[in-house]
Amino acid sequence: MKIIRTLAFMGCAVLLTTGCKKFLDINDDPNNPLKVSEALILSPVEVATASQVMGGASNSNTNVISYWMQHLSLNQQSPNLESYFMTSVDANSAWGGALYTTIFQNLYLMNNQATAAKRYQYVAIGKTLFAYNLAITTDLWNNIPYSEAFKMPQVTKPKYDSQESIYNVIQQTLDSALYYMDQPVSKIAPGEDDFIYQGDMAQWRKLVYTLKARYYLRLTKAPGHTAAQQADNALAVLAKGFGGNTDNASVPYPGTGNTSNPWYVLNRAATGGVVLGQSFIDSLKSRQDPRLSIIAAKNNNGEYVGRNVNDAPVSDVHTLSTINSFYAGATSKLFLITYSEALFLKAEATFIKQGAAAAEPIYRDAIAAHMSMLGVEPAAQTAYISSRPALDAANAIKHIITEKYIANFLSPEVYNDWRRTGYPQLKPYIGSTAKGIPRRWPYPAVEELTNPQPDQKATINDRVWWDTNN
């Protein structure tokens, strides 16, 4: 069970300490840094991306976003993260603990080392994961350190690069990943240490093309970009992307000891009362969506009940619904991106280019793909999809993004779509000093202290570069 061993290595994957040397039983010159194999770097990075970035780890970006997007609710007294009380200290963990230290620094070292050793498949995977996490970082904070971020000790206070330039880097990095996939297969190549695709470059290639489409459509309203061109770009790469649910990018969890799915840990009542959001539960109930029983667990009265963001906390959390085992079981997979998202991207891009009639069948296939992933019976799928209204010029984006919101349950993509399109339509918490649902995260306190920059004056009410939706 290699993923179990991974957690022991996570603290040792970058710039290993003397204590880690002893643990790994490697004899090396203590005056020289220890060189770690790519396999021992890749596995912890994939786990960190799943657990610390995409999973429900405390104060992870997806955790907080799921409150703001009302997939989840925090059954605690306000002010709290759900009611938009987020300080720079709350951002420390995601920025310093996960993204820059555990993920980017690891990948930077792994990519350089693997390139020098001509282990090109590791480079391809490393660049893909780097681009994936770089997009998450800039979507939360807008301008971020990149071009000077990995030049320690020569540069101790790296400048912030614009989000526009970061999005160029993301696409270039994914293109570079494709280049390395075409290079000769290395004698030392990813296998079991790659929890996502076990070193299958054909699968990684599909993932890269699907991610490129995601990031093209992110910029449909960005300054200097047009929806038509971004849709053209997205459709071109989607033709080489995911083709079915077997392509879904996910990380498995053994469920033993400390290797449980992070949503399983967060979902327990003792962790602070994380429950389902009322607006999300009610929307599924009102449409008689067969996914309700798979996504949500009934309360102790046998009912599906979510918590409203403006309600006072209840004394007994068991009167509210929690995440069901498909997403929050100890051994549940954690999805990074799915085939259903690829189809929703295609539906939106097709609508932009060809109109509602052309997008309609793709939109319906996208719903079916998610339902199939969840194991919904074919008859129930057909009944639900048939009940959905036809797309037209006025409602297409609303319906596509609202259904994508369900299919991307617990994904930070729902926050990006909401900022970009205004859907789903959510009622914000009342009483916060924030001007509605926050548009971004504050820069972390540790960054303000050690690397002060003018960008850090931004508040959670300010928008990132591509967020021009009104």
Protein backbone atom coordinates (compact mmCIF):
# COMPACT_ATOMS: atom_id res chain seq x y z
CA MET A 1 0.00 0.00 0.00
CA LYS A 2 2.34 2.64 -1.29
CA ILE A 3 0.00 5.52 -0.49
CA ILE A 4 0.23 4.62 3.21
CA ARG A 5 3.99 4.99 3.09
CA THR A 6 3.61 8.28 1.29
CA LEU A 7 2.39 10.14 4.35
CA ALA A 8 5.59 9.23 6.17
CA PHE A 9 7.61 10.74 3.35
CA MET A 10 5.64 13.97 2.98
CA GLY A 11 7.83 15.86 5.43
CA CYS A 12 10.96 14.54 3.74
CA ALA A 13 10.27 15.12 0.08
CA VAL A 14 11.90 18.53 -0.29
CA LEU A 15 15.20 19.69 1.28
CA LEU A 16 15.25 16.70 3.62
CA THR A 17 16.42 17.19 7.17
CA THR A 18 19.02 15.15 9.06
CA GLY A 19 16.20 13.43 10.92
CA CYS A 20 14.69 12.32 7.63
CA LYS A 21 18.06 10.98 6.49
CA LYS A 22 18.15 8.75 9.54
CA PHE A 23 14.57 7.63 8.96
CA LEU A 24 15.31 6.73 5.34
CA ASP A 25 18.51 4.92 6.40
CA ILE A 26 20.59 6.60 3.69
CA ASN A 27 24.27 7.23 4.27
CA ASP A 28 25.32 10.53 2.75
CA ASP A 29 27.77 13.31 3.34
CA PRO A 30 26.09 15.52 5.97
CA ASN A 31 27.79 18.55 4.39
CA ASN A 32 25.91 18.02 1.10
CA PRO A 33 22.15 18.09 0.54
CA LEU A 34 20.45 14.73 0.21
CA LYS A 35 19.24 13.87 -3.28
CA VAL A 36 15.82 12.27 -3.27
CA SER A 37 14.47 10.08 -6.05
CA GLU A 38 11.65 11.44 -8.18
CA ALA A 39 9.38 8.67 -6.90
CA LEU A 40 9.73 9.90 -3.32
CA ILE A 41 8.88 13.44 -4.42
CA LEU A 42 6.00 12.71 -6.80
CA SER A 43 3.85 10.63 -4.45
CA PRO A 44 3.76 13.19 -1.61
CA VAL A 45 3.01 16.01 -4.06
CA GLU A 46 0.03 14.15 -5.46
CA VAL A 47 -1.25 13.43 -1.95
CA ALA A 48 -0.71 17.06 -0.95
CA THR A 49 -2.57 18.29 -4.03
CA ALA A 50 -5.49 16.02 -3.17
CA SER A 51 -5.58 16.38 0.61
CA GLN A 52 -4.23 19.85 1.34
CA VAL A 53 -5.46 21.71 -1.75
CA MET A 54 -8.50 19.87 -3.14
CA GLY A 55 -9.56 18.09 0.03
CA GLY A 56 -11.18 19.13 3.26
CA ALA A 57 -8.08 19.77 5.30
CA SER A 58 -8.54 22.51 7.89
CA ASN A 59 -8.56 25.95 6.24
CA SER A 60 -7.76 24.42 2.86
CA ASN A 61 -8.86 26.52 -0.08
CA THR A 62 -11.56 24.03 -1.11
CA ASN A 63 -12.87 23.81 2.43
CA VAL A 64 -13.42 27.58 2.66
CA ILE A 65 -14.72 27.85 -0.91
CA SER A 66 -17.29 25.12 -0.22
CA TYR A 67 -18.71 27.31 2.57
CA TRP A 68 -18.80 30.42 0.38
CA MET A 69 -20.40 28.48 -2.49
CA GLN A 70 -22.89 26.92 -0.04
CA HIS A 71 -22.13 23.30 -0.85
CA LEU A 72 -21.27 23.08 2.83
CA SER A 73 -22.13 25.00 5.96
CA LEU A 74 -20.27 25.47 9.23
CA ASN A 75 -22.56 24.86 12.18
CA GLN A 76 -20.77 27.35 14.41
CA GLN A 77 -21.50 30.78 15.79
CA SER A 78 -20.58 33.71 13.53
CA PRO A 79 -18.23 35.31 12.77
CA ASN A 80 -16.38 32.48 11.08
CA LEU A 81 -15.01 31.50 7.69
CA GLU A 82 -18.48 30.85 6.31
CA SER A 83 -19.60 34.36 7.22
CA TYR A 84 -16.57 35.77 5.36
CA PHE A 85 -14.53 36.49 8.48
CA MET A 86 -11.22 35.55 6.93
CA THR A 87 -7.95 37.09 8.05
CA SER A 88 -4.49 36.93 6.58
CA VAL A 89 -3.58 34.35 9.23
CA ASP A 90 -6.26 32.01 7.84
CA ALA A 91 -4.48 32.04 4.48
CA ASN A 92 -1.12 30.94 5.86
CA SER A 93 -1.75 27.21 5.67
CA ALA A 94 -2.82 27.04 2.03
CA TRP A 95 -0.07 29.40 0.79
CA GLY A 96 2.93 28.37 2.86
CA GLY A 97 2.03 24.96 4.20
CA ALA A 98 0.68 23.44 0.99
CA LEU A 99 1.23 25.34 -2.24
CA TYR A 100 4.60 27.08 -2.11
CA THR A 101 6.48 24.82 0.27
CA THR A 102 5.10 21.32 -0.14
CA ILE A 103 4.01 21.45 -3.78
CA PHE A 104 5.83 24.10 -5.83
CA GLN A 105 9.22 23.70 -4.21
CA ASN A 106 9.00 19.91 -4.48
CA LEU A 107 7.99 20.06 -8.13
CA TYR A 108 10.62 22.67 -8.98
CA LEU A 109 13.34 20.41 -7.59
CA MET A 110 11.87 17.26 -9.12
CA ASN A 111 11.53 18.79 -12.57
CA ASN A 112 15.09 20.11 -12.61
CA GLN A 113 16.49 16.83 -11.34
CA ALA A 114 14.44 14.69 -13.73
CA THR A 115 15.30 16.91 -16.70
CA ALA A 116 19.02 16.55 -15.99
CA ALA A 117 18.64 12.76 -15.66
CA LYS A 118 16.48 12.57 -18.82
CA ARG A 119 13.60 11.04 -16.87
CA TYR A 120 11.14 12.83 -19.08
CA GLN A 121 7.95 11.18 -17.87
CA TYR A 122 8.54 12.60 -14.40
CA VAL A 123 9.05 16.02 -15.96
CA ALA A 124 5.78 15.71 -17.87
CA ILE A 125 3.80 14.82 -14.75
CA GLY A 126 5.63 17.43 -12.67
CA LYS A 127 4.82 20.22 -15.10
CA THR A 128 1.17 19.16 -15.28
CA LEU A 129 0.83 19.24 -11.50
CA PHE A 130 2.72 22.52 -11.32
CA ALA A 131 0.31 24.17 -13.79
CA TYR A 132 -2.70 22.70 -11.98
CA ASN A 133 -1.65 24.15 -8.63
CA LEU A 134 -0.42 27.41 -10.14
CA ALA A 135 -3.92 28.05 -11.49
CA ILE A 136 -5.44 27.40 -8.07
CA THR A 137 -2.98 29.82 -6.49
CA THR A 138 -3.52 32.72 -8.89
CA ASP A 139 -7.29 32.20 -8.89
CA LEU A 140 -7.28 32.72 -5.13
CA TRP A 141 -4.79 35.59 -4.88
CA ASN A 142 -4.53 37.21 -8.34
CA ASN A 143 -0.89 38.42 -8.65
CA ILE A 144 1.55 35.97 -7.07
CA PRO A 145 5.30 35.27 -6.89
CA TYR A 146 6.48 33.08 -9.76
CA SER A 147 9.42 34.31 -11.86
CA GLU A 148 11.56 35.00 -8.77
CA ALA A 149 9.86 32.61 -6.37
CA PHE A 150 12.42 29.80 -6.60
CA LYS A 151 15.66 31.76 -6.59
CA MET A 152 16.50 31.51 -2.90
CA PRO A 153 18.84 32.56 -1.42
CA GLN A 154 19.70 35.05 -4.16
CA VAL A 155 16.17 36.51 -4.08
CA THR A 156 14.57 36.59 -0.65
CA LYS A 157 11.69 38.91 -1.52
CA PRO A 158 10.36 37.74 -4.89
CA LYS A 159 8.24 40.15 -6.89
CA TYR A 160 4.61 39.44 -7.71
CA ASP A 161 3.83 38.55 -11.32
CA SER A 162 0.53 39.63 -12.85
CA GLN A 163 -2.27 37.11 -13.15
CA GLU A 164 -2.34 37.72 -16.89
CA SER A 165 1.29 36.63 -17.16
CA ILE A 166 0.64 33.65 -14.85
CA TYR A 167 -2.09 32.41 -17.17
CA ASN A 168 0.39 32.54 -20.04
CA VAL A 169 2.79 30.51 -17.91
CA ILE A 170 0.07 27.95 -17.14
CA GLN A 171 -0.60 27.27 -20.81
CA GLN A 172 3.11 27.25 -21.64
CA THR A 173 3.80 24.81 -18.82
CA LEU A 174 1.08 22.46 -20.03
CA ASP A 175 2.49 22.67 -23.57
CA SER A 176 5.90 21.82 -22.15
CA ALA A 177 4.38 18.81 -20.38
CA LEU A 178 3.07 17.59 -23.73
CA TYR A 179 6.55 18.02 -25.23
CA TYR A 180 8.14 15.83 -22.56
CA MET A 181 5.47 13.18 -23.03
CA ASP A 182 6.77 12.78 -26.58
CA GLN A 183 10.36 12.22 -25.50
CA PRO A 184 11.93 8.73 -25.27
CA VAL A 185 10.69 6.63 -22.37
CA SER A 186 13.15 6.71 -19.50
CA LYS A 187 14.56 3.61 -17.84
CA ILE A 188 13.35 5.06 -14.55
CA ALA A 189 9.76 6.13 -15.08
CA PRO A 190 6.65 6.68 -12.95
CA GLY A 191 4.60 3.64 -12.01
CA GLU A 192 3.03 2.86 -8.64
CA ASP A 193 4.43 6.11 -7.27
CA ASP A 194 1.96 7.93 -9.54
CA PHE A 195 -1.31 7.53 -7.69
CA ILE A 196 -3.34 9.28 -10.38
CA TYR A 197 -2.56 7.31 -13.55
CA GLN A 198 0.27 4.91 -12.57
CA GLY A 199 2.58 6.49 -15.09
CA ASP A 200 0.23 6.10 -18.09
CA MET A 201 1.30 8.95 -20.37
CA ALA A 202 -1.77 8.54 -22.60
CA GLN A 203 -3.96 9.36 -19.62
CA TRP A 204 -1.77 12.25 -18.55
CA ARG A 205 -1.98 13.62 -22.09
CA LYS A 206 -5.78 13.62 -21.95
CA LEU A 207 -5.62 15.38 -18.59
CA VAL A 208 -3.35 18.11 -19.97
CA TYR A 209 -5.67 18.84 -22.88
CA THR A 210 -8.71 18.94 -20.56
CA LEU A 211 -6.93 21.31 -18.18
CA LYS A 212 -5.98 23.57 -21.09
CA ALA A 213 -9.68 23.82 -21.96
CA ARG A 214 -10.55 24.69 -18.36
CA TYR A 215 -8.05 27.53 -18.33
CA TYR A 216 -9.02 28.82 -21.76
CA LEU A 217 -12.66 29.19 -20.70
CA ARG A 218 -11.60 30.87 -17.47
CA LEU A 219 -10.67 33.89 -19.59
CA THR A 220 -13.91 34.32 -21.56
CA LYS A 221 -14.40 37.75 -19.95
CA ALA A 222 -10.80 38.61 -19.15
CA PRO A 223 -9.44 41.93 -20.47
CA GLY A 224 -7.97 41.53 -23.94
CA HIS A 225 -9.72 38.22 -24.59
CA THR A 226 -12.94 37.31 -26.37
CA ALA A 227 -15.35 34.55 -25.49
CA ALA A 228 -15.35 33.34 -29.09
CA GLN A 229 -11.58 32.90 -29.26
CA GLN A 230 -11.41 31.22 -25.86
CA ALA A 231 -14.22 28.88 -26.90
CA ASP A 232 -12.38 28.02 -30.14
CA ASN A 233 -9.24 27.26 -28.15
CA ALA A 234 -11.16 25.11 -25.68
CA LEU A 235 -12.95 23.08 -28.33
CA ALA A 236 -9.69 22.38 -30.14
CA VAL A 237 -8.03 20.85 -27.09
CA LEU A 238 -11.13 19.08 -25.76
CA ALA A 239 -11.08 16.93 -28.89
CA LYS A 240 -7.91 15.38 -27.42
CA GLY A 241 -9.07 15.39 -23.81
CA PHE A 242 -11.17 13.11 -21.62
CA GLY A 243 -13.43 10.65 -23.42
CA GLY A 244 -15.14 8.90 -20.51
CA ASN A 245 -15.29 8.46 -16.75
CA THR A 246 -12.36 6.05 -16.91
CA ASP A 247 -10.23 9.12 -17.66
CA ASN A 248 -11.17 10.93 -14.42
CA ALA A 249 -8.15 12.22 -12.53
CA SER A 250 -8.41 11.12 -8.90
CA VAL A 251 -6.30 10.10 -5.92
CA PRO A 252 -7.30 6.97 -3.94
CA TYR A 253 -7.22 6.61 -0.16
CA PRO A 254 -6.63 3.31 1.69
CA GLY A 255 -8.66 4.55 4.67
CA THR A 256 -6.39 3.14 7.37
CA GLY A 257 -4.71 5.19 10.08
CA ASN A 258 -4.00 8.68 8.77
CA THR A 259 -4.68 7.73 5.16
CA SER A 260 -8.41 8.46 5.05
CA ASN A 261 -10.02 10.79 2.55
CA PRO A 262 -9.77 14.32 4.08
CA TRP A 263 -13.50 14.98 3.60
CA TYR A 264 -14.17 11.89 5.74
CA VAL A 265 -12.17 13.46 8.56
CA LEU A 266 -13.83 16.88 8.20
CA ASN A 267 -17.30 15.37 7.87
CA ARG A 268 -17.36 13.88 11.37
CA ALA A 269 -19.46 15.76 13.92
CA ALA A 270 -16.55 16.08 16.33
CA THR A 271 -14.58 18.20 13.85
CA GLY A 272 -16.79 21.27 14.27
CA GLY A 273 -20.14 20.61 12.69
CA VAL A 274 -19.52 20.67 8.92
CA VAL A 275 -22.85 19.95 7.22
CA LEU A 276 -24.52 20.43 3.85
CA GLY A 277 -25.73 23.87 2.77
CA GLN A 278 -29.47 24.45 2.71
CA SER A 279 -29.64 26.09 -0.71
CA PHE A 280 -27.73 23.17 -2.24
CA ILE A 281 -29.87 20.50 -0.56
CA ASP A 282 -33.11 22.34 -1.37
CA SER A 283 -32.15 22.73 -5.04
CA LEU A 284 -31.61 18.97 -5.35
CA LYS A 285 -34.88 18.23 -3.53
CA SER A 286 -36.92 20.66 -5.62
CA ARG A 287 -35.79 19.03 -8.85
CA GLN A 288 -36.14 15.49 -7.47
CA ASP A 289 -32.52 14.94 -8.37
CA PRO A 290 -31.59 11.26 -7.92
CA ARG A 291 -28.07 12.30 -6.89
CA LEU A 292 -29.36 13.69 -3.58
CA SER A 293 -29.17 10.36 -1.75
CA ILE A 294 -25.64 9.74 -3.05
CA ILE A 295 -24.27 13.19 -2.27
CA ALA A 296 -26.03 13.76 1.07
CA ALA A 297 -26.63 11.60 4.13
CA LYS A 298 -29.98 11.86 5.89
CA ASN A 299 -30.17 13.40 9.36
CA ASN A 300 -31.14 11.33 12.39
CA ASN A 301 -34.82 11.90 11.53
CA GLY A 302 -34.39 10.32 8.11
CA GLU A 303 -34.61 13.63 6.25
CA TYR A 304 -32.36 15.73 4.03
CA VAL A 305 -31.85 19.03 5.81
CA GLY A 306 -29.18 21.61 5.08
CA ARG A 307 -28.14 24.64 7.10
CA ASN A 308 -28.80 28.18 5.90
CA VAL A 309 -25.79 30.46 5.99
CA ASN A 310 -27.79 33.06 7.96
CA ASP A 311 -29.16 30.66 10.58
CA ALA A 312 -27.90 30.35 14.14
CA PRO A 313 -26.09 27.08 14.82
CA VAL A 314 -28.24 24.18 15.97
CA SER A 315 -27.48 22.43 19.26
CA ASP A 316 -27.65 18.96 17.72
CA VAL A 317 -25.67 18.69 14.49
CA HIS A 318 -27.32 15.32 13.81
CA THR A 319 -30.50 17.15 12.79
CA LEU A 320 -28.60 18.27 9.66
CA SER A 321 -27.34 16.33 6.66
CA THR A 322 -23.67 15.58 6.10
CA ILE A 323 -21.67 14.50 3.06
CA ASN A 324 -22.43 10.91 2.08
CA SER A 325 -19.84 8.20 1.63
CA PHE A 326 -19.29 8.53 -2.14
CA TYR A 327 -17.39 11.76 -1.54
CA ALA A 328 -16.57 11.45 2.15
CA GLY A 329 -15.98 7.80 2.91
CA ALA A 330 -12.66 6.82 4.45
CA THR A 331 -11.63 5.14 1.19
CA SER A 332 -13.38 7.51 -1.23
CA LYS A 333 -11.41 8.77 -4.20
CA LEU A 334 -10.73 12.49 -4.32
CA PHE A 335 -11.38 13.86 -7.80
CA LEU A 336 -9.09 16.51 -9.32
CA ILE A 337 -11.05 16.88 -12.57
CA THR A 338 -13.65 14.69 -14.25
CA TYR A 339 -15.11 13.77 -17.61
CA SER A 340 -18.37 15.47 -16.68
CA GLU A 341 -16.50 18.76 -16.24
CA ALA A 342 -14.91 18.27 -19.65
CA LEU A 343 -18.38 17.90 -21.17
CA PHE A 344 -19.69 20.99 -19.38
CA LEU A 345 -16.71 22.91 -20.74
CA LYS A 346 -17.54 21.62 -24.20
CA ALA A 347 -21.21 22.52 -23.78
CA GLU A 348 -20.37 26.09 -22.79
CA ALA A 349 -17.83 26.53 -25.59
CA THR A 350 -20.26 25.06 -28.12
CA PHE A 351 -22.99 27.43 -26.97
CA ILE A 352 -20.66 30.40 -27.39
CA LYS A 353 -19.75 29.35 -30.93
CA GLN A 354 -22.85 27.61 -32.27
CA GLY A 355 -25.78 28.41 -30.01
CA ALA A 356 -28.11 26.61 -27.64
CA ALA A 357 -29.35 23.87 -29.97
CA ALA A 358 -25.83 22.63 -30.64
CA ALA A 359 -24.91 22.77 -26.94
CA GLU A 360 -28.05 20.94 -25.76
CA PRO A 361 -26.99 17.30 -26.32
CA ILE A 362 -23.53 17.92 -24.89
CA TYR A 363 -25.04 19.56 -21.80
CA ARG A 364 -27.29 16.55 -21.25
CA ASP A 365 -24.38 14.15 -21.77
CA ALA A 366 -22.47 16.10 -19.12
CA ILE A 367 -25.24 15.52 -16.56
CA ALA A 368 -25.38 11.85 -17.52
CA ALA A 369 -21.62 11.50 -17.13
CA HIS A 370 -21.76 12.75 -13.56
CA MET A 371 -24.73 10.56 -12.73
CA SER A 372 -22.95 7.54 -14.18
CA MET A 373 -19.88 8.36 -12.09
CA LEU A 374 -22.10 8.33 -8.99
CA GLY A 375 -23.82 5.10 -10.01
CA VAL A 376 -27.30 6.51 -10.67
CA GLU A 377 -29.52 3.96 -12.41
CA PRO A 378 -30.04 4.60 -16.16
CA ALA A 379 -33.82 4.98 -15.80
CA ALA A 380 -33.39 7.62 -13.09
CA GLN A 381 -30.83 9.42 -15.24
CA THR A 382 -33.22 9.51 -18.19
CA ALA A 383 -36.12 10.75 -16.09
CA TYR A 384 -34.12 13.58 -14.55
CA ILE A 385 -32.42 14.70 -17.75
CA SER A 386 -35.75 14.67 -19.60
CA SER A 387 -37.19 16.96 -16.95
CA ARG A 388 -34.59 19.65 -17.52
CA PRO A 389 -35.73 22.66 -19.59
CA ALA A 390 -34.37 23.09 -23.08
CA LEU A 391 -31.49 25.48 -23.51
CA ASP A 392 -32.04 28.76 -25.30
CA ALA A 393 -30.05 31.91 -25.87
CA ALA A 394 -31.24 33.48 -22.62
CA ASN A 395 -30.86 30.56 -20.20
CA ALA A 396 -28.06 28.38 -21.57
CA ILE A 397 -25.18 29.64 -19.43
CA LYS A 398 -27.37 29.60 -16.32
CA HIS A 399 -28.40 25.98 -16.80
CA ILE A 400 -24.98 24.75 -17.88
CA ILE A 401 -23.17 26.33 -14.95
CA THR A 402 -25.87 25.43 -12.41
CA GLU A 403 -25.70 21.77 -13.38
CA LYS A 404 -21.91 21.98 -13.44
CA TYR A 405 -22.13 23.30 -9.86
CA ILE A 406 -23.74 20.02 -8.84
CA ALA A 407 -21.32 17.85 -10.81
CA ASN A 408 -18.34 19.75 -9.37
CA PHE A 409 -19.46 19.21 -5.79
CA LEU A 410 -16.58 20.13 -3.42
CA SER A 411 -14.42 21.45 -6.25
CA PRO A 412 -12.93 24.98 -6.24
CA GLU A 413 -14.06 25.27 -9.86
CA VAL A 414 -17.53 26.24 -8.67
CA TYR A 415 -16.05 29.42 -7.17
CA ASN A 416 -14.29 30.29 -10.41
CA ASP A 417 -17.47 29.69 -12.41
CA TRP A 418 -19.54 31.76 -9.99
CA ARG A 419 -17.16 34.71 -10.25
CA ARG A 420 -16.96 34.37 -14.02
CA THR A 421 -20.68 33.89 -14.81
CA GLY A 422 -22.69 34.82 -11.70
CA TYR A 423 -24.10 31.27 -11.47
CA PRO A 424 -25.38 29.63 -9.44
CA GLN A 425 -27.32 32.49 -7.93
CA LEU A 426 -26.56 32.45 -4.21
CA LYS A 427 -27.89 34.54 -1.33
CA PRO A 428 -24.90 35.73 0.72
CA TYR A 429 -24.51 35.87 4.46
CA ILE A 430 -26.02 39.07 5.90
CA GLY A 431 -24.12 41.02 8.51
CA SER A 432 -20.57 40.70 7.31
CA THR A 433 -18.34 43.67 6.57
CA ALA A 434 -17.62 41.99 3.22
CA LYS A 435 -19.57 43.30 0.25
CA GLY A 436 -21.33 40.02 -0.40
CA ILE A 437 -19.53 36.75 -1.10
CA PRO A 438 -15.77 37.47 -1.23
CA ARG A 439 -14.17 37.69 -4.66
CA ARG A 440 -10.73 36.49 -3.58
CA TRP A 441 -8.55 35.53 -0.61
CA PRO A 442 -6.41 37.89 1.49
CA TYR A 443 -2.66 37.48 1.16
CA PRO A 444 -1.25 35.39 4.01
CA ALA A 445 0.19 36.99 7.13
CA VAL A 446 3.51 35.22 6.73
CA GLU A 447 3.89 36.74 3.26
CA GLU A 448 2.98 40.22 4.52
CA LEU A 449 5.63 39.87 7.19
CA THR A 450 8.50 38.40 5.17
CA ASN A 451 7.80 39.70 1.65
CA PRO A 452 5.77 42.94 1.79
CA GLN A 453 4.44 43.97 -1.61
CA PRO A 454 1.99 46.65 -2.83
CA ASP A 455 -0.39 43.89 -4.03
CA GLN A 456 -1.08 42.96 -0.43
CA LYS A 457 -3.31 45.99 0.01
CA ALA A 458 -6.06 44.05 -1.78
CA THR A 459 -9.09 43.01 0.26
CA ILE A 460 -11.47 40.08 -0.12
CA ASN A 461 -13.87 42.45 -1.90
CA ASP A 462 -11.40 43.13 -4.73
CA ARG A 463 -11.47 41.11 -7.93
CA VAL A 464 -8.80 39.07 -9.61
CA TRP A 465 -7.77 40.13 -13.11
CA TRP A 466 -10.08 37.83 -15.07
CA ASP A 467 -13.12 38.48 -12.83
CA THR A 468 -15.02 41.17 -14.69
CA ASN A 469 -18.54 39.78 -14.28
CA ASN A 470 -21.01 42.29 -12.78
